[in-house]
Amino acid sequence: MFVQVISGKVTDLDAFERLGERWQQELKPGAVGYLGVTEGTTDDGRFFVAARFESPEAAAKNSARPEQGMWFAEVEKVVDDVTFHDCSRIETLFGGGKDDAGFVQVMRGQVKDKAKADEMFSHAADAEKVLGAVRPDVIGEVVAIHDDDDGYTDIVYFTSESAARAAEQREMPADAQALMQEFESALEVSEYFDLKRLTLR
């Protein structure tokens, strides 16, 4: 799997959402290798899109389509400060993204220690057992490593925002705390996106 991560500020929310619907109806049928999308906006006017493709080649073919270029020219009129990241390395927990999630939180930052991160990802099954026992509200996770810098994007799928907030307040057992410390020693979080208006498909 290959993921394109796009984010920025929304200047016209209604138009942005209309253009998203238009892409699904008019452009998606011709997007060969397209697997799905997680997209949404935050209360402070930012947007986040993670588009999944079978391969970098499929994503490149989609980007090269004239109709895709024309569509994105319209998107550029209603967004600002846009950043793109291509992500060839994808790690997943709990089966990856979930289209039935009620809430999605995105964390973005830098890989502080690549060796520690690799070690952590190699024990994903153990992490699932520990986190699954204490965070049943977490139903999926996708970590996309940026190709163009030392950054990453971590997309976490929850049953609901209320369940996520309640779980955040509970004290975690020692093994879960150790796991979170391992995460923090390898990956630094610099930005959060709480996606309230959410599209998963």
C-alpha atoms as a PDB file:
ATOM      1  CA  MET A   1       0.000   0.000   0.000  1.00  0.00           C
ATOM      2  CA  PHE A   2       1.054   3.583  -0.735  1.00  0.00           C
ATOM      3  CA  VAL A   3      -0.405   6.671   0.968  1.00  0.00           C
ATOM      4  CA  GLN A   4      -0.511  10.309  -0.089  1.00  0.00           C
ATOM      5  CA  VAL A   5      -0.961  12.636   2.886  1.00  0.00           C
ATOM      6  CA  ILE A   6      -2.285  16.134   2.208  1.00  0.00           C
ATOM      7  CA  SER A   7      -3.128  18.812   4.769  1.00  0.00           C
ATOM      8  CA  GLY A   8      -3.592  22.538   5.143  1.00  0.00           C
ATOM      9  CA  LYS A   9      -6.149  25.205   6.000  1.00  0.00           C
ATOM     10  CA  VAL A  10      -9.701  25.385   4.668  1.00  0.00           C
ATOM     11  CA  THR A  11     -10.979  28.776   3.552  1.00  0.00           C
ATOM     12  CA  ASP A  12     -14.415  27.574   2.345  1.00  0.00           C
ATOM     13  CA  LEU A  13     -15.577  24.449   4.166  1.00  0.00           C
ATOM     14  CA  ASP A  14     -18.791  23.890   2.211  1.00  0.00           C
ATOM     15  CA  ALA A  15     -17.008  24.170  -1.131  1.00  0.00           C
ATOM     16  CA  PHE A  16     -14.233  21.880   0.101  1.00  0.00           C
ATOM     17  CA  GLU A  17     -16.731  19.186   1.058  1.00  0.00           C
ATOM     18  CA  ARG A  18     -18.631  19.574  -2.227  1.00  0.00           C
ATOM     19  CA  LEU A  19     -15.403  19.055  -4.149  1.00  0.00           C
ATOM     20  CA  GLY A  20     -14.734  15.916  -2.121  1.00  0.00           C
ATOM     21  CA  GLU A  21     -18.122  14.522  -3.088  1.00  0.00           C
ATOM     22  CA  ARG A  22     -17.500  15.484  -6.718  1.00  0.00           C
ATOM     23  CA  TRP A  23     -14.216  13.543  -6.720  1.00  0.00           C
ATOM     24  CA  GLN A  24     -15.959  10.450  -5.409  1.00  0.00           C
ATOM     25  CA  GLN A  25     -18.707  10.642  -8.014  1.00  0.00           C
ATOM     26  CA  GLU A  26     -16.823  11.820 -11.102  1.00  0.00           C
ATOM     27  CA  LEU A  27     -13.117  11.028 -10.723  1.00  0.00           C
ATOM     28  CA  LYS A  28     -12.969   7.942  -8.524  1.00  0.00           C
ATOM     29  CA  PRO A  29     -14.245   5.556 -11.270  1.00  0.00           C
ATOM     30  CA  GLY A  30     -11.155   6.352 -13.376  1.00  0.00           C
ATOM     31  CA  ALA A  31      -8.631   6.195 -10.547  1.00  0.00           C
ATOM     32  CA  VAL A  32      -6.873   2.879 -11.186  1.00  0.00           C
ATOM     33  CA  GLY A  33      -5.298   1.401  -8.065  1.00  0.00           C
ATOM     34  CA  TYR A  34      -7.177   3.692  -5.689  1.00  0.00           C
ATOM     35  CA  LEU A  35      -8.049   1.916  -2.412  1.00  0.00           C
ATOM     36  CA  GLY A  36      -9.796   4.513  -0.267  1.00  0.00           C
ATOM     37  CA  VAL A  37      -9.499   7.705   1.741  1.00  0.00           C
ATOM     38  CA  THR A  38      -9.553   9.072   5.262  1.00  0.00           C
ATOM     39  CA  GLU A  39     -10.369  12.756   5.216  1.00  0.00           C
ATOM     40  CA  GLY A  40     -11.803  15.352   7.526  1.00  0.00           C
ATOM     41  CA  THR A  41     -11.603  18.807   8.993  1.00  0.00           C
ATOM     42  CA  THR A  42     -10.844  20.139  12.465  1.00  0.00           C
ATOM     43  CA  ASP A  43     -12.686  22.701  14.550  1.00  0.00           C
ATOM     44  CA  ASP A  44      -9.885  25.212  13.941  1.00  0.00           C
ATOM     45  CA  GLY A  45     -10.237  25.129  10.150  1.00  0.00           C
ATOM     46  CA  ARG A  46      -7.613  22.634   9.045  1.00  0.00           C
ATOM     47  CA  PHE A  47      -8.103  19.701   6.697  1.00  0.00           C
ATOM     48  CA  PHE A  48      -6.419  16.315   6.428  1.00  0.00           C
ATOM     49  CA  VAL A  49      -6.536  13.754   3.615  1.00  0.00           C
ATOM     50  CA  ALA A  50      -4.852  10.347   3.459  1.00  0.00           C
ATOM     51  CA  ALA A  51      -5.480   8.738   0.063  1.00  0.00           C
ATOM     52  CA  ARG A  52      -4.538   5.060  -0.232  1.00  0.00           C
ATOM     53  CA  PHE A  53      -3.308   3.470  -3.464  1.00  0.00           C
ATOM     54  CA  GLU A  54      -2.012   0.048  -4.434  1.00  0.00           C
ATOM     55  CA  SER A  55       1.385   1.487  -5.398  1.00  0.00           C
ATOM     56  CA  PRO A  56       3.329   4.714  -6.024  1.00  0.00           C
ATOM     57  CA  GLU A  57       2.868   4.103  -9.748  1.00  0.00           C
ATOM     58  CA  ALA A  58      -0.920   4.025  -9.383  1.00  0.00           C
ATOM     59  CA  ALA A  59      -0.863   7.259  -7.374  1.00  0.00           C
ATOM     60  CA  ALA A  60       1.358   8.931  -9.975  1.00  0.00           C
ATOM     61  CA  LYS A  61      -0.972   7.880 -12.809  1.00  0.00           C
ATOM     62  CA  ASN A  62      -3.909   9.333 -10.914  1.00  0.00           C
ATOM     63  CA  SER A  63      -2.102  12.628 -10.320  1.00  0.00           C
ATOM     64  CA  ALA A  64      -1.204  12.835 -14.020  1.00  0.00           C
ATOM     65  CA  ARG A  65      -4.813  12.579 -15.224  1.00  0.00           C
ATOM     66  CA  PRO A  66      -5.969  15.887 -16.781  1.00  0.00           C
ATOM     67  CA  GLU A  67      -9.288  15.694 -14.934  1.00  0.00           C
ATOM     68  CA  GLN A  68      -7.412  15.278 -11.644  1.00  0.00           C
ATOM     69  CA  GLY A  69      -5.397  18.408 -12.355  1.00  0.00           C
ATOM     70  CA  MET A  70      -8.513  20.395 -13.233  1.00  0.00           C
ATOM     71  CA  TRP A  71     -10.262  19.197 -10.082  1.00  0.00           C
ATOM     72  CA  PHE A  72      -7.328  20.076  -7.835  1.00  0.00           C
ATOM     73  CA  ALA A  73      -7.132  23.546  -9.378  1.00  0.00           C
ATOM     74  CA  GLU A  74     -10.625  24.067  -7.977  1.00  0.00           C
ATOM     75  CA  VAL A  75      -9.562  22.703  -4.587  1.00  0.00           C
ATOM     76  CA  GLU A  76      -6.656  25.159  -4.460  1.00  0.00           C
ATOM     77  CA  LYS A  77      -9.173  28.010  -4.517  1.00  0.00           C
ATOM     78  CA  VAL A  78     -10.649  26.958  -1.155  1.00  0.00           C
ATOM     79  CA  VAL A  79      -7.522  25.855   0.757  1.00  0.00           C
ATOM     80  CA  ASP A  80      -4.265  27.424   1.898  1.00  0.00           C
ATOM     81  CA  ASP A  81      -0.843  26.394   3.271  1.00  0.00           C
ATOM     82  CA  VAL A  82      -1.095  22.961   1.648  1.00  0.00           C
ATOM     83  CA  THR A  83       1.562  20.310   2.325  1.00  0.00           C
ATOM     84  CA  PHE A  84       2.002  16.936   0.588  1.00  0.00           C
ATOM     85  CA  HIS A  85       3.833  13.817   1.729  1.00  0.00           C
ATOM     86  CA  ASP A  86       4.226  10.600  -0.265  1.00  0.00           C
ATOM     87  CA  CYS A  87       4.527   7.573   2.010  1.00  0.00           C
ATOM     88  CA  SER A  88       5.876   4.295   0.655  1.00  0.00           C
ATOM     89  CA  ARG A  89       6.386   2.648   4.051  1.00  0.00           C
ATOM     90  CA  ILE A  90       3.139   1.886   5.847  1.00  0.00           C
ATOM     91  CA  GLU A  91       2.794   0.202   9.246  1.00  0.00           C
ATOM     92  CA  THR A  92      -0.556  -0.881  10.650  1.00  0.00           C
ATOM     93  CA  LEU A  93      -2.109  -1.943  13.950  1.00  0.00           C
ATOM     94  CA  PHE A  94      -5.486  -3.621  14.466  1.00  0.00           C
ATOM     95  CA  GLY A  95      -5.853  -4.243  10.744  1.00  0.00           C
ATOM     96  CA  GLY A  96      -5.213  -0.673   9.625  1.00  0.00           C
ATOM     97  CA  GLY A  97      -7.864   1.936   8.835  1.00  0.00           C
ATOM     98  CA  LYS A  98     -11.534   1.376   9.654  1.00  0.00           C
ATOM     99  CA  ASP A  99     -14.305   2.962   7.629  1.00  0.00           C
ATOM    100  CA  ASP A 100     -16.776   2.481  10.494  1.00  0.00           C
ATOM    101  CA  ALA A 101     -14.774   4.606  12.952  1.00  0.00           C
ATOM    102  CA  GLY A 102     -16.708   7.328  14.730  1.00  0.00           C
ATOM    103  CA  PHE A 103     -13.667   9.512  15.362  1.00  0.00           C
ATOM    104  CA  VAL A 104     -10.150   9.832  13.923  1.00  0.00           C
ATOM    105  CA  GLN A 105      -7.152  11.541  15.463  1.00  0.00           C
ATOM    106  CA  VAL A 106      -4.029  12.211  13.417  1.00  0.00           C
ATOM    107  CA  MET A 107      -0.622  12.772  14.974  1.00  0.00           C
ATOM    108  CA  ARG A 108       2.234  14.106  12.898  1.00  0.00           C
ATOM    109  CA  GLY A 109       5.858  14.668  13.791  1.00  0.00           C
ATOM    110  CA  GLN A 110       9.430  13.452  13.395  1.00  0.00           C
ATOM    111  CA  VAL A 111      11.080  10.061  13.678  1.00  0.00           C
ATOM    112  CA  LYS A 112      13.604  10.754  16.464  1.00  0.00           C
ATOM    113  CA  ASP A 113      15.227   7.321  16.515  1.00  0.00           C
ATOM    114  CA  LYS A 114      14.860   5.198  13.372  1.00  0.00           C
ATOM    115  CA  ALA A 115      16.329   2.061  14.976  1.00  0.00           C
ATOM    116  CA  LYS A 116      13.891   2.270  17.898  1.00  0.00           C
ATOM    117  CA  ALA A 117      11.013   2.900  15.527  1.00  0.00           C
ATOM    118  CA  ASP A 118      11.942  -0.141  13.432  1.00  0.00           C
ATOM    119  CA  GLU A 119      12.147  -2.259  16.575  1.00  0.00           C
ATOM    120  CA  MET A 120       8.785  -1.011  17.759  1.00  0.00           C
ATOM    121  CA  PHE A 121       7.111  -1.734  14.425  1.00  0.00           C
ATOM    122  CA  SER A 122       8.605  -5.225  14.355  1.00  0.00           C
ATOM    123  CA  HIS A 123       6.657  -6.034  17.545  1.00  0.00           C
ATOM    124  CA  ALA A 124       3.312  -4.696  16.361  1.00  0.00           C
ATOM    125  CA  ALA A 125       1.490  -7.898  17.366  1.00  0.00           C
ATOM    126  CA  ASP A 126       2.679  -7.517  20.965  1.00  0.00           C
ATOM    127  CA  ALA A 127       1.588  -3.882  20.978  1.00  0.00           C
ATOM    128  CA  GLU A 128      -1.861  -4.884  19.750  1.00  0.00           C
ATOM    129  CA  LYS A 129      -2.278  -7.284  22.675  1.00  0.00           C
ATOM    130  CA  VAL A 130      -1.254  -4.689  25.256  1.00  0.00           C
ATOM    131  CA  LEU A 131      -3.220  -1.783  23.807  1.00  0.00           C
ATOM    132  CA  GLY A 132      -6.216  -3.889  22.877  1.00  0.00           C
ATOM    133  CA  ALA A 133      -6.675  -4.852  26.518  1.00  0.00           C
ATOM    134  CA  VAL A 134      -6.706  -1.279  27.829  1.00  0.00           C
ATOM    135  CA  ARG A 135      -7.933   0.743  24.819  1.00  0.00           C
ATOM    136  CA  PRO A 136     -10.910  -1.055  23.250  1.00  0.00           C
ATOM    137  CA  ASP A 137     -11.877   2.325  21.811  1.00  0.00           C
ATOM    138  CA  VAL A 138      -8.936   2.058  19.379  1.00  0.00           C
ATOM    139  CA  ILE A 139     -10.075  -0.061  16.437  1.00  0.00           C
ATOM    140  CA  GLY A 140      -7.393   0.691  13.839  1.00  0.00           C
ATOM    141  CA  GLU A 141      -4.161   2.541  13.178  1.00  0.00           C
ATOM    142  CA  VAL A 142      -2.035   3.459  10.179  1.00  0.00           C
ATOM    143  CA  VAL A 143       1.469   4.890  10.498  1.00  0.00           C
ATOM    144  CA  ALA A 144       2.737   6.401   7.237  1.00  0.00           C
ATOM    145  CA  ILE A 145       6.460   7.198   7.060  1.00  0.00           C
ATOM    146  CA  HIS A 146       7.197  10.213   4.842  1.00  0.00           C
ATOM    147  CA  ASP A 147       9.424   9.613   1.825  1.00  0.00           C
ATOM    148  CA  ASP A 148      10.617  13.218   1.602  1.00  0.00           C
ATOM    149  CA  ASP A 149      11.729  13.988   5.162  1.00  0.00           C
ATOM    150  CA  ASP A 150      12.229  12.394   8.582  1.00  0.00           C
ATOM    151  CA  GLY A 151       8.556  12.753   9.416  1.00  0.00           C
ATOM    152  CA  TYR A 152       5.633  10.425   9.905  1.00  0.00           C
ATOM    153  CA  THR A 153       1.844  10.596  10.079  1.00  0.00           C
ATOM    154  CA  ASP A 154      -0.019   8.394  12.572  1.00  0.00           C
ATOM    155  CA  ILE A 155      -3.762   7.946  11.914  1.00  0.00           C
ATOM    156  CA  VAL A 156      -5.722   6.413  14.809  1.00  0.00           C
ATOM    157  CA  TYR A 157      -9.312   5.183  14.378  1.00  0.00           C
ATOM    158  CA  PHE A 158     -11.667   5.149  17.398  1.00  0.00           C
ATOM    159  CA  THR A 159     -15.164   3.846  18.056  1.00  0.00           C
ATOM    160  CA  SER A 160     -16.203   7.366  19.075  1.00  0.00           C
ATOM    161  CA  GLU A 161     -14.702  10.590  20.379  1.00  0.00           C
ATOM    162  CA  SER A 162     -16.460  10.196  23.742  1.00  0.00           C
ATOM    163  CA  ALA A 163     -14.944   6.731  24.195  1.00  0.00           C
ATOM    164  CA  ALA A 164     -11.504   8.054  23.261  1.00  0.00           C
ATOM    165  CA  ARG A 165     -11.698  10.965  25.703  1.00  0.00           C
ATOM    166  CA  ALA A 166     -12.916   8.718  28.513  1.00  0.00           C
ATOM    167  CA  ALA A 167     -10.099   6.241  27.912  1.00  0.00           C
ATOM    168  CA  GLU A 168      -7.522   9.055  27.939  1.00  0.00           C
ATOM    169  CA  GLN A 169      -8.487   9.850  31.538  1.00  0.00           C
ATOM    170  CA  ARG A 170      -7.947   6.327  32.852  1.00  0.00           C
ATOM    171  CA  GLU A 171      -4.563   5.346  34.250  1.00  0.00           C
ATOM    172  CA  MET A 172      -2.860   2.721  32.115  1.00  0.00           C
ATOM    173  CA  PRO A 173      -1.217  -0.391  33.546  1.00  0.00           C
ATOM    174  CA  ALA A 174       2.577  -0.603  33.652  1.00  0.00           C
ATOM    175  CA  ASP A 175       2.982  -2.556  30.399  1.00  0.00           C
ATOM    176  CA  ALA A 176       0.885  -0.063  28.456  1.00  0.00           C
ATOM    177  CA  GLN A 177       2.777   2.855  29.979  1.00  0.00           C
ATOM    178  CA  ALA A 178       6.066   1.241  28.965  1.00  0.00           C
ATOM    179  CA  LEU A 179       4.744   0.848  25.418  1.00  0.00           C
ATOM    180  CA  MET A 180       3.789   4.519  25.227  1.00  0.00           C
ATOM    181  CA  GLN A 181       7.211   5.534  26.526  1.00  0.00           C
ATOM    182  CA  GLU A 182       8.801   3.433  23.800  1.00  0.00           C
ATOM    183  CA  PHE A 183       6.643   5.219  21.234  1.00  0.00           C
ATOM    184  CA  GLU A 184       7.615   8.630  22.597  1.00  0.00           C
ATOM    185  CA  SER A 185      11.325   7.763  22.575  1.00  0.00           C
ATOM    186  CA  ALA A 186      11.155   6.864  18.881  1.00  0.00           C
ATOM    187  CA  LEU A 187       8.559   9.261  17.480  1.00  0.00           C
ATOM    188  CA  GLU A 188       8.033  12.904  18.384  1.00  0.00           C
ATOM    189  CA  VAL A 189       4.539  14.353  17.985  1.00  0.00           C
ATOM    190  CA  SER A 190       4.401  17.982  16.861  1.00  0.00           C
ATOM    191  CA  GLU A 191       0.860  18.340  15.501  1.00  0.00           C
ATOM    192  CA  TYR A 192      -2.590  16.863  16.124  1.00  0.00           C
ATOM    193  CA  PHE A 193      -5.647  16.776  13.887  1.00  0.00           C
ATOM    194  CA  ASP A 194      -8.924  15.854  15.610  1.00  0.00           C
ATOM    195  CA  LEU A 195     -11.139  15.114  12.631  1.00  0.00           C
ATOM    196  CA  LYS A 196     -14.681  16.068  13.607  1.00  0.00           C
ATOM    197  CA  ARG A 197     -16.273  16.313  10.145  1.00  0.00           C
ATOM    198  CA  LEU A 198     -15.113  12.975   8.861  1.00  0.00           C
ATOM    199  CA  THR A 199     -15.269  11.020   5.620  1.00  0.00           C
ATOM    200  CA  LEU A 200     -14.122   7.390   5.513  1.00  0.00           C
ATOM    201  CA  ARG A 201     -14.476   5.295   2.375  1.00  0.00           C
END
